PDB file of N, CA and C in Angstrom:
ATOM      1  N   MET A   1     -11.610 -17.030 -22.284  1.00  0.00           N
ATOM      2  CA  MET A   1     -12.333 -16.258 -21.289  1.00  0.00           C
ATOM      3  C   MET A   1     -12.663 -14.896 -21.900  1.00  0.00           C
ATOM      4  N   SER A   2     -13.895 -14.463 -21.715  1.00  0.00           N
ATOM      5  CA  SER A   2     -14.330 -13.190 -22.294  1.00  0.00           C
ATOM      6  C   SER A   2     -13.772 -12.013 -21.499  1.00  0.00           C
ATOM      7  N   GLU A   3     -13.869 -10.849 -22.100  1.00  0.00           N
ATOM      8  CA  GLU A   3     -13.397  -9.633 -21.423  1.00  0.00           C
ATOM      9  C   GLU A   3     -14.188  -9.399 -20.137  1.00  0.00           C
ATOM     10  N   ALA A   4     -15.487  -9.593 -20.197  1.00  0.00           N
ATOM     11  CA  ALA A   4     -16.318  -9.403 -19.010  1.00  0.00           C
ATOM     12  C   ALA A   4     -15.907 -10.365 -17.900  1.00  0.00           C
ATOM     13  N   GLU A   5     -15.592 -11.595 -18.258  1.00  0.00           N
ATOM     14  CA  GLU A   5     -15.142 -12.574 -17.266  1.00  0.00           C
ATOM     15  C   GLU A   5     -13.803 -12.171 -16.672  1.00  0.00           C
ATOM     16  N   ASN A   6     -12.909 -11.665 -17.508  1.00  0.00           N
ATOM     17  CA  ASN A   6     -11.608 -11.190 -17.022  1.00  0.00           C
ATOM     18  C   ASN A   6     -11.777 -10.050 -16.037  1.00  0.00           C
ATOM     19  N   ILE A   7     -12.662  -9.122 -16.368  1.00  0.00           N
ATOM     20  CA  ILE A   7     -12.900  -7.974 -15.486  1.00  0.00           C
ATOM     21  C   ILE A   7     -13.469  -8.454 -14.152  1.00  0.00           C
ATOM     22  N   LYS A   8     -14.442  -9.350 -14.214  1.00  0.00           N
ATOM     23  CA  LYS A   8     -15.029  -9.887 -12.984  1.00  0.00           C
ATOM     24  C   LYS A   8     -13.975 -10.604 -12.152  1.00  0.00           C
ATOM     25  N   ARG A   9     -13.084 -11.309 -12.810  1.00  0.00           N
ATOM     26  CA  ARG A   9     -12.017 -12.031 -12.105  1.00  0.00           C
ATOM     27  C   ARG A   9     -11.073 -11.066 -11.400  1.00  0.00           C
ATOM     28  N   VAL A  10     -10.656  -9.999 -12.090  1.00  0.00           N
ATOM     29  CA  VAL A  10      -9.759  -9.004 -11.496  1.00  0.00           C
ATOM     30  C   VAL A  10     -10.445  -8.319 -10.320  1.00  0.00           C
ATOM     31  N   VAL A  11     -11.702  -7.944 -10.488  1.00  0.00           N
ATOM     32  CA  VAL A  11     -12.445  -7.283  -9.412  1.00  0.00           C
ATOM     33  C   VAL A  11     -12.571  -8.215  -8.208  1.00  0.00           C
ATOM     34  N   ALA A  12     -12.860  -9.484  -8.452  1.00  0.00           N
ATOM     35  CA  ALA A  12     -12.976 -10.450  -7.350  1.00  0.00           C
ATOM     36  C   ALA A  12     -11.653 -10.586  -6.600  1.00  0.00           C
ATOM     37  N   ILE A  13     -10.564 -10.614  -7.339  1.00  0.00           N
ATOM     38  CA  ILE A  13      -9.237 -10.714  -6.704  1.00  0.00           C
ATOM     39  C   ILE A  13      -8.956  -9.469  -5.880  1.00  0.00           C
ATOM     40  N   LEU A  14      -9.226  -8.297  -6.435  1.00  0.00           N
ATOM     41  CA  LEU A  14      -8.978  -7.049  -5.713  1.00  0.00           C
ATOM     42  C   LEU A  14      -9.857  -6.935  -4.469  1.00  0.00           C
ATOM     43  N   ASN A  15     -11.081  -7.441  -4.545  1.00  0.00           N
ATOM     44  CA  ASN A  15     -11.971  -7.396  -3.383  1.00  0.00           C
ATOM     45  C   ASN A  15     -11.471  -8.267  -2.238  1.00  0.00           C
ATOM     46  N   LYS A  16     -10.621  -9.237  -2.527  1.00  0.00           N
ATOM     47  CA  LYS A  16     -10.078 -10.118  -1.488  1.00  0.00           C
ATOM     48  C   LYS A  16      -8.871  -9.508  -0.777  1.00  0.00           C
ATOM     49  N   VAL A  17      -8.339  -8.429  -1.337  1.00  0.00           N
ATOM     50  CA  VAL A  17      -7.174  -7.786  -0.732  1.00  0.00           C
ATOM     51  C   VAL A  17      -7.634  -7.039   0.518  1.00  0.00           C
ATOM     52  N   PRO A  18      -7.083  -7.396   1.664  1.00  0.00           N
ATOM     53  CA  PRO A  18      -7.523  -6.729   2.892  1.00  0.00           C
ATOM     54  C   PRO A  18      -7.024  -5.283   2.954  1.00  0.00           C
ATOM     55  N   GLU A  19      -7.795  -4.462   3.663  1.00  0.00           N
ATOM     56  CA  GLU A  19      -7.376  -3.088   3.900  1.00  0.00           C
ATOM     57  C   GLU A  19      -6.095  -3.122   4.725  1.00  0.00           C
ATOM     58  N   LYS A  20      -5.175  -2.260   4.405  1.00  0.00           N
ATOM     59  CA  LYS A  20      -3.895  -2.241   5.118  1.00  0.00           C
ATOM     60  C   LYS A  20      -3.829  -1.027   6.019  1.00  0.00           C
ATOM     61  N   HIS A  21      -3.517  -1.280   7.261  1.00  0.00           N
ATOM     62  CA  HIS A  21      -3.343  -0.222   8.246  1.00  0.00           C
ATOM     63  C   HIS A  21      -1.842  -0.147   8.543  1.00  0.00           C
ATOM     64  N   LEU A  22      -1.186   0.904   8.097  1.00  0.00           N
ATOM     65  CA  LEU A  22       0.264   1.014   8.233  1.00  0.00           C
ATOM     66  C   LEU A  22       0.664   1.628   9.572  1.00  0.00           C
ATOM     67  N   LEU A  23       1.590   0.965  10.228  1.00  0.00           N
ATOM     68  CA  LEU A  23       2.137   1.444  11.497  1.00  0.00           C
ATOM     69  C   LEU A  23       2.777   2.823  11.325  1.00  0.00           C
ATOM     70  N   LEU A  24       3.340   3.070  10.155  1.00  0.00           N
ATOM     71  CA  LEU A  24       4.012   4.344   9.886  1.00  0.00           C
ATOM     72  C   LEU A  24       3.066   5.532  10.090  1.00  0.00           C
ATOM     73  N   ILE A  25       1.818   5.371   9.687  1.00  0.00           N
ATOM     74  CA  ILE A  25       0.839   6.453   9.839  1.00  0.00           C
ATOM     75  C   ILE A  25       0.570   6.717  11.317  1.00  0.00           C
ATOM     76  N   ASP A  26       0.374   5.640  12.074  1.00  0.00           N
ATOM     77  CA  ASP A  26       0.146   5.803  13.517  1.00  0.00           C
ATOM     78  C   ASP A  26       1.328   6.482  14.193  1.00  0.00           C
ATOM     79  N   LEU A  27       2.526   6.036  13.864  1.00  0.00           N
ATOM     80  CA  LEU A  27       3.716   6.624  14.483  1.00  0.00           C
ATOM     81  C   LEU A  27       3.872   8.090  14.105  1.00  0.00           C
ATOM     82  N   ALA A  28       3.628   8.409  12.848  1.00  0.00           N
ATOM     83  CA  ALA A  28       3.734   9.811  12.421  1.00  0.00           C
ATOM     84  C   ALA A  28       2.771  10.680  13.227  1.00  0.00           C
ATOM     85  N   ASN A  29       1.571  10.179  13.445  1.00  0.00           N
ATOM     86  CA  ASN A  29       0.594  10.940  14.243  1.00  0.00           C
ATOM     87  C   ASN A  29       1.029  11.057  15.701  1.00  0.00           C
ATOM     88  N   GLU A  30       1.563   9.993  16.253  1.00  0.00           N
ATOM     89  CA  GLU A  30       1.971   9.994  17.660  1.00  0.00           C
ATOM     90  C   GLU A  30       3.232  10.826  17.910  1.00  0.00           C
ATOM     91  N   LEU A  31       4.107  10.887  16.935  1.00  0.00           N
ATOM     92  CA  LEU A  31       5.411  11.528  17.135  1.00  0.00           C
ATOM     93  C   LEU A  31       5.480  12.945  16.578  1.00  0.00           C
ATOM     94  N   THR A  32       4.348  13.498  16.196  1.00  0.00           N
ATOM     95  CA  THR A  32       4.312  14.852  15.644  1.00  0.00           C
ATOM     96  C   THR A  32       3.960  15.846  16.742  1.00  0.00           C
ATOM     97  N   LEU A  33       4.735  16.912  16.793  1.00  0.00           N
ATOM     98  CA  LEU A  33       4.492  17.983  17.752  1.00  0.00           C
ATOM     99  C   LEU A  33       3.333  18.859  17.276  1.00  0.00           C
ATOM    100  N   LYS A  34       2.840  19.715  18.153  1.00  0.00           N
ATOM    101  CA  LYS A  34       1.713  20.588  17.807  1.00  0.00           C
ATOM    102  C   LYS A  34       2.031  21.526  16.649  1.00  0.00           C
ATOM    103  N   ASN A  35       3.312  21.856  16.479  1.00  0.00           N
ATOM    104  CA  ASN A  35       3.688  22.758  15.380  1.00  0.00           C
ATOM    105  C   ASN A  35       3.879  22.020  14.052  1.00  0.00           C
ATOM    106  N   GLY A  36       3.675  20.682  14.060  1.00  0.00           N
ATOM    107  CA  GLY A  36       3.788  19.903  12.830  1.00  0.00           C
ATOM    108  C   GLY A  36       5.128  19.235  12.614  1.00  0.00           C
ATOM    109  N   ASP A  37       6.124  19.582  13.422  1.00  0.00           N
ATOM    110  CA  ASP A  37       7.437  18.938  13.309  1.00  0.00           C
ATOM    111  C   ASP A  37       7.423  17.594  14.024  1.00  0.00           C
ATOM    112  N   LEU A  38       8.339  16.726  13.607  1.00  0.00           N
ATOM    113  CA  LEU A  38       8.495  15.468  14.330  1.00  0.00           C
ATOM    114  C   LEU A  38       9.258  15.716  15.620  1.00  0.00           C
ATOM    115  N   ASP A  39       8.854  15.031  16.661  1.00  0.00           N
ATOM    116  CA  ASP A  39       9.570  15.061  17.937  1.00  0.00           C
ATOM    117  C   ASP A  39      10.732  14.086  17.804  1.00  0.00           C
ATOM    118  N   MET A  40      11.893  14.606  17.445  1.00  0.00           N
ATOM    119  CA  MET A  40      13.040  13.755  17.140  1.00  0.00           C
ATOM    120  C   MET A  40      13.506  12.959  18.356  1.00  0.00           C
ATOM    121  N   ASN A  41      13.331  13.486  19.541  1.00  0.00           N
ATOM    122  CA  ASN A  41      13.688  12.727  20.745  1.00  0.00           C
ATOM    123  C   ASN A  41      12.785  11.503  20.877  1.00  0.00           C
ATOM    124  N   ALA A  42      11.498  11.692  20.628  1.00  0.00           N
ATOM    125  CA  ALA A  42      10.558  10.580  20.691  1.00  0.00           C
ATOM    126  C   ALA A  42      10.835   9.568  19.577  1.00  0.00           C
ATOM    127  N   VAL A  43      11.215  10.065  18.401  1.00  0.00           N
ATOM    128  CA  VAL A  43      11.575   9.169  17.296  1.00  0.00           C
ATOM    129  C   VAL A  43      12.764   8.301  17.705  1.00  0.00           C
ATOM    130  N   LEU A  44      13.762   8.920  18.293  1.00  0.00           N
ATOM    131  CA  LEU A  44      14.943   8.161  18.729  1.00  0.00           C
ATOM    132  C   LEU A  44      14.593   7.153  19.819  1.00  0.00           C
ATOM    133  N   ASP A  45      13.710   7.543  20.734  1.00  0.00           N
ATOM    134  CA  ASP A  45      13.288   6.632  21.805  1.00  0.00           C
ATOM    135  C   ASP A  45      12.539   5.419  21.257  1.00  0.00           C
ATOM    136  N   ARG A  46      11.886   5.602  20.120  1.00  0.00           N
ATOM    137  CA  ARG A  46      11.069   4.522  19.546  1.00  0.00           C
ATOM    138  C   ARG A  46      11.649   4.034  18.228  1.00  0.00           C
ATOM    139  N   GLN A  47      12.971   4.098  18.115  1.00  0.00           N
ATOM    140  CA  GLN A  47      13.647   3.782  16.865  1.00  0.00           C
ATOM    141  C   GLN A  47      13.311   2.387  16.336  1.00  0.00           C
ATOM    142  N   ALA A  48      13.201   1.409  17.223  1.00  0.00           N
ATOM    143  CA  ALA A  48      12.882   0.048  16.777  1.00  0.00           C
ATOM    144  C   ALA A  48      11.513   0.012  16.089  1.00  0.00           C
ATOM    145  N   GLU A  49      10.522   0.694  16.662  1.00  0.00           N
ATOM    146  CA  GLU A  49       9.188   0.759  16.055  1.00  0.00           C
ATOM    147  C   GLU A  49       9.232   1.506  14.727  1.00  0.00           C
ATOM    148  N   VAL A  50      10.007   2.579  14.686  1.00  0.00           N
ATOM    149  CA  VAL A  50      10.136   3.357  13.453  1.00  0.00           C
ATOM    150  C   VAL A  50      10.749   2.491  12.359  1.00  0.00           C
ATOM    151  N   ASN A  51      11.793   1.756  12.697  1.00  0.00           N
ATOM    152  CA  ASN A  51      12.430   0.874  11.709  1.00  0.00           C
ATOM    153  C   ASN A  51      11.452  -0.178  11.195  1.00  0.00           C
ATOM    154  N   LEU A  52      10.693  -0.777  12.104  1.00  0.00           N
ATOM    155  CA  LEU A  52       9.702  -1.773  11.708  1.00  0.00           C
ATOM    156  C   LEU A  52       8.643  -1.151  10.803  1.00  0.00           C
ATOM    157  N   ALA A  53       8.207   0.052  11.131  1.00  0.00           N
ATOM    158  CA  ALA A  53       7.200   0.737  10.328  1.00  0.00           C
ATOM    159  C   ALA A  53       7.721   1.035   8.926  1.00  0.00           C
ATOM    160  N   ILE A  54       8.987   1.399   8.832  1.00  0.00           N
ATOM    161  CA  ILE A  54       9.596   1.680   7.523  1.00  0.00           C
ATOM    162  C   ILE A  54       9.655   0.410   6.689  1.00  0.00           C
ATOM    163  N   VAL A  55      10.072  -0.692   7.287  1.00  0.00           N
ATOM    164  CA  VAL A  55      10.145  -1.973   6.570  1.00  0.00           C
ATOM    165  C   VAL A  55       8.751  -2.383   6.098  1.00  0.00           C
ATOM    166  N   GLU A  56       7.758  -2.235   6.986  1.00  0.00           N
ATOM    167  CA  GLU A  56       6.387  -2.587   6.634  1.00  0.00           C
ATOM    168  C   GLU A  56       5.892  -1.750   5.453  1.00  0.00           C
ATOM    169  N   ALA A  57       6.145  -0.451   5.501  1.00  0.00           N
ATOM    170  CA  ALA A  57       5.695   0.443   4.427  1.00  0.00           C
ATOM    171  C   ALA A  57       6.386   0.117   3.104  1.00  0.00           C
ATOM    172  N   LYS A  58       7.681  -0.170   3.155  1.00  0.00           N
ATOM    173  CA  LYS A  58       8.408  -0.533   1.923  1.00  0.00           C
ATOM    174  C   LYS A  58       7.877  -1.830   1.334  1.00  0.00           C
ATOM    175  N   ALA A  59       7.576  -2.804   2.174  1.00  0.00           N
ATOM    176  CA  ALA A  59       7.018  -4.076   1.693  1.00  0.00           C
ATOM    177  C   ALA A  59       5.664  -3.837   1.035  1.00  0.00           C
ATOM    178  N   TYR A  60       4.860  -2.972   1.633  1.00  0.00           N
ATOM    179  CA  TYR A  60       3.551  -2.654   1.078  1.00  0.00           C
ATOM    180  C   TYR A  60       3.693  -1.967  -0.281  1.00  0.00           C
ATOM    181  N   VAL A  61       4.630  -1.046  -0.376  1.00  0.00           N
ATOM    182  CA  VAL A  61       4.883  -0.356  -1.647  1.00  0.00           C
ATOM    183  C   VAL A  61       5.319  -1.359  -2.713  1.00  0.00           C
ATOM    184  N   ASN A  62       6.238  -2.241  -2.359  1.00  0.00           N
ATOM    185  CA  ASN A  62       6.720  -3.229  -3.325  1.00  0.00           C
ATOM    186  C   ASN A  62       5.597  -4.145  -3.805  1.00  0.00           C
ATOM    187  N   ALA A  63       4.749  -4.576  -2.897  1.00  0.00           N
ATOM    188  CA  ALA A  63       3.627  -5.435  -3.276  1.00  0.00           C
ATOM    189  C   ALA A  63       2.648  -4.677  -4.171  1.00  0.00           C
ATOM    190  N   THR A  64       2.434  -3.409  -3.878  1.00  0.00           N
ATOM    191  CA  THR A  64       1.535  -2.593  -4.692  1.00  0.00           C
ATOM    192  C   THR A  64       2.092  -2.407  -6.093  1.00  0.00           C
ATOM    193  N   VAL A  65       3.380  -2.167  -6.199  1.00  0.00           N
ATOM    194  CA  VAL A  65       4.021  -2.008  -7.509  1.00  0.00           C
ATOM    195  C   VAL A  65       3.908  -3.304  -8.307  1.00  0.00           C
ATOM    196  N   ARG A  66       4.143  -4.446  -7.643  1.00  0.00           N
ATOM    197  CA  ARG A  66       4.030  -5.736  -8.343  1.00  0.00           C
ATOM    198  C   ARG A  66       2.603  -5.947  -8.846  1.00  0.00           C
ATOM    199  N   ALA A  67       1.620  -5.621  -8.026  1.00  0.00           N
ATOM    200  CA  ALA A  67       0.224  -5.776  -8.445  1.00  0.00           C
ATOM    201  C   ALA A  67      -0.099  -4.853  -9.618  1.00  0.00           C
ATOM    202  N   ALA A  68       0.357  -3.613  -9.541  1.00  0.00           N
ATOM    203  CA  ALA A  68       0.109  -2.659 -10.625  1.00  0.00           C
ATOM    204  C   ALA A  68       0.775  -3.131 -11.915  1.00  0.00           C
ATOM    205  N   ASN A  69       1.991  -3.629 -11.812  1.00  0.00           N
ATOM    206  CA  ASN A  69       2.692  -4.127 -12.998  1.00  0.00           C
ATOM    207  C   ASN A  69       1.981  -5.339 -13.596  1.00  0.00           C
ATOM    208  N   ALA A  70       1.437  -6.203 -12.736  1.00  0.00           N
ATOM    209  CA  ALA A  70       0.688  -7.362 -13.236  1.00  0.00           C
ATOM    210  C   ALA A  70      -0.548  -6.908 -13.999  1.00  0.00           C
ATOM    211  N   LEU A  71      -1.228  -5.887 -13.485  1.00  0.00           N
ATOM    212  CA  LEU A  71      -2.392  -5.363 -14.195  1.00  0.00           C
ATOM    213  C   LEU A  71      -2.000  -4.705 -15.519  1.00  0.00           C
ATOM    214  N   LYS A  72      -0.878  -3.989 -15.505  1.00  0.00           N
ATOM    215  CA  LYS A  72      -0.407  -3.339 -16.737  1.00  0.00           C
ATOM    216  C   LYS A  72      -0.025  -4.361 -17.791  1.00  0.00           C
ATOM    217  N   ALA A  73       0.432  -5.537 -17.352  1.00  0.00           N
ATOM    218  CA  ALA A  73       0.883  -6.573 -18.276  1.00  0.00           C
ATOM    219  C   ALA A  73      -0.274  -7.256 -19.001  1.00  0.00           C
ATOM    220  N   LEU A  74      -1.497  -7.085 -18.491  1.00  0.00           N
ATOM    221  CA  LEU A  74      -2.641  -7.672 -19.181  1.00  0.00           C
ATOM    222  C   LEU A  74      -2.763  -7.044 -20.557  1.00  0.00           C
ATOM    223  N   LYS A  75      -2.983  -7.878 -21.529  1.00  0.00           N
ATOM    224  CA  LYS A  75      -3.095  -7.372 -22.892  1.00  0.00           C
ATOM    225  C   LYS A  75      -4.429  -6.663 -23.064  1.00  0.00           C
ATOM    226  N   PRO A  76      -4.386  -5.448 -23.612  1.00  0.00           N
ATOM    227  CA  PRO A  76      -5.646  -4.736 -23.839  1.00  0.00           C
ATOM    228  C   PRO A  76      -6.453  -5.455 -24.916  1.00  0.00           C
ATOM    229  N   ARG A  77      -7.726  -5.376 -24.772  1.00  0.00           N
ATOM    230  CA  ARG A  77      -8.615  -5.989 -25.774  1.00  0.00           C
ATOM    231  C   ARG A  77      -9.328  -4.893 -26.540  1.00  0.00           C
ATOM    232  N   ALA A  78      -9.619  -5.186 -27.774  1.00  0.00           N
ATOM    233  CA  ALA A  78     -10.307  -4.212 -28.606  1.00  0.00           C
ATOM    234  C   ALA A  78     -11.730  -4.023 -28.074  1.00  0.00           C
ATOM    235  N   ARG A  79     -12.188  -2.803 -28.128  1.00  0.00           N
ATOM    236  CA  ARG A  79     -13.555  -2.521 -27.694  1.00  0.00           C
ATOM    237  C   ARG A  79     -14.535  -3.077 -28.706  1.00  0.00           C
ATOM    238  N   LYS A  80     -15.619  -3.598 -28.172  1.00  0.00           N
ATOM    239  CA  LYS A  80     -16.681  -4.082 -29.065  1.00  0.00           C
ATOM    240  C   LYS A  80     -17.526  -2.894 -29.475  1.00  0.00           C
ATOM    241  N   LYS A  81     -17.899  -2.894 -30.732  1.00  0.00           N
ATOM    242  CA  LYS A  81     -18.707  -1.776 -31.242  1.00  0.00           C
ATOM    243  C   LYS A  81     -20.176  -2.113 -31.168  1.00  0.00           C
TER     244      LYS A  81
END
């Protein structure tokens, strides 16, 4: 497979990755006071959602790291002159 084909293949794979909307971002926005601090009482009231959001974010990070490592593992090819 040529370098151009490899690049097209990687781009096609990346284009299939859906956009991720993290619950953690929504919760951070909802649980932030006007002064920028977290409303710790609200965080405690919604602890189950916060825990789920943390697990979701960690899973997303782990998947991103695995994808990045897979890309790094590709052997570089010499540039054509």
